Amino acid sequence: MTTIPFFQVNAFLAGRPLTGNPAAVMPLDRWLDDSLMQAIAAENNLSETAFAVRSDGDDAEYALRWFTPTVEVELCGHATLAAGSS
């Protein structure tokens, strides 16, 4: 069984623990099948799960993809911030 690191990060903290906007962040060595990332996001049951893979390009260190429990989305601000802090 493969294990994947998992971080739950509260973006936009409101000054108290367990407040803000939570997102899951899962750093990967390589992209997983879309259906598996979707299933993981559904299991995480947070508004978004950000998957991060080191980028091959010169324009960014990481590539990100964002999934809600039901669909992949084009962009998610709070999950992006969460990925940068984990």
Protein backbone atom coordinates (compact mmCIF):
# COMPACT_ATOMS: atom_id res chain seq x y z
CA MET A 1 0.00 0.00 0.00
CA THR A 2 1.29 3.43 -0.94
CA THR A 3 1.16 6.25 1.57
CA ILE A 4 0.78 9.88 0.59
CA PRO A 5 1.62 12.75 2.94
CA PHE A 6 -1.48 14.64 4.03
CA PHE A 7 -1.71 18.11 5.53
CA GLN A 8 -4.86 19.89 6.61
CA VAL A 9 -4.23 23.62 6.70
CA ASN A 10 -6.56 26.40 7.83
CA ALA A 11 -6.09 29.31 5.45
CA PHE A 12 -7.24 32.76 6.50
CA LEU A 13 -7.01 32.12 10.24
CA ALA A 14 -9.42 34.21 12.23
CA GLY A 15 -7.28 34.52 15.37
CA ARG A 16 -8.45 31.33 17.07
CA PRO A 17 -7.53 27.68 16.59
CA LEU A 18 -9.80 25.61 14.35
CA THR A 19 -11.15 28.61 12.48
CA GLY A 20 -10.52 29.81 8.97
CA ASN A 21 -10.94 27.93 5.72
CA PRO A 22 -9.50 24.40 5.77
CA ALA A 23 -7.96 22.70 2.74
CA ALA A 24 -6.13 19.42 2.33
CA VAL A 25 -2.68 19.44 0.72
CA MET A 26 -1.15 16.27 -0.68
CA PRO A 27 2.37 16.49 -2.15
CA LEU A 28 3.00 13.82 -4.79
CA ASP A 29 6.04 12.48 -6.63
CA ARG A 30 3.94 12.24 -9.81
CA TRP A 31 0.33 12.78 -10.82
CA LEU A 32 -2.09 10.04 -9.88
CA ASP A 33 -4.99 8.98 -12.09
CA ASP A 34 -7.69 11.65 -12.12
CA SER A 35 -10.24 9.21 -10.71
CA LEU A 36 -7.96 8.38 -7.77
CA MET A 37 -7.32 12.05 -6.94
CA GLN A 38 -11.08 12.63 -7.12
CA ALA A 39 -11.73 9.69 -4.78
CA ILE A 40 -9.11 10.97 -2.32
CA ALA A 41 -10.70 14.44 -2.35
CA ALA A 42 -14.10 12.89 -1.68
CA GLU A 43 -12.64 10.92 1.23
CA ASN A 44 -10.97 14.07 2.62
CA ASN A 45 -14.42 15.72 2.54
CA LEU A 46 -13.06 19.28 2.65
CA SER A 47 -14.08 22.05 0.28
CA GLU A 48 -10.82 21.51 -1.65
CA THR A 49 -7.85 19.19 -1.79
CA ALA A 50 -4.72 20.52 -3.49
CA PHE A 51 -2.37 18.00 -5.08
CA ALA A 52 1.17 19.27 -5.73
CA VAL A 53 3.89 17.85 -7.99
CA ARG A 54 7.33 19.36 -8.63
CA SER A 55 7.19 21.19 -11.95
CA ASP A 56 9.46 20.37 -14.88
CA GLY A 57 9.15 23.92 -16.22
CA ASP A 58 11.13 27.01 -15.36
CA ASP A 59 8.10 29.14 -14.48
CA ALA A 60 7.13 27.45 -11.19
CA GLU A 61 8.55 25.05 -8.64
CA TYR A 62 5.29 23.10 -8.28
CA ALA A 63 2.26 22.36 -10.39
CA LEU A 64 -1.06 22.26 -8.53
CA ARG A 65 -4.41 20.67 -9.19
CA TRP A 66 -7.49 21.26 -7.04
CA PHE A 67 -10.37 18.89 -6.37
CA THR A 68 -13.60 19.36 -4.44
CA PRO A 69 -15.32 16.22 -3.14
CA THR A 70 -17.20 16.02 -6.47
CA VAL A 71 -15.20 17.75 -9.27
CA GLU A 72 -11.82 19.13 -10.30
CA VAL A 73 -11.75 22.94 -10.30
CA GLU A 74 -9.54 25.31 -12.30
CA LEU A 75 -8.25 27.30 -9.33
CA CYS A 76 -8.68 27.55 -5.58
CA GLY A 77 -7.14 30.46 -3.71
CA HIS A 78 -7.24 29.15 -0.16
CA ALA A 79 -5.97 25.70 -1.17
CA THR A 80 -3.12 27.38 -3.07
CA LEU A 81 -2.18 29.35 0.04
CA ALA A 82 -2.43 26.16 2.10
CA ALA A 83 -0.09 24.35 -0.33
CA GLY A 84 2.45 27.15 0.03
CA SER A 85 2.47 26.87 3.79
CA SER A 86 2.78 23.10 4.11
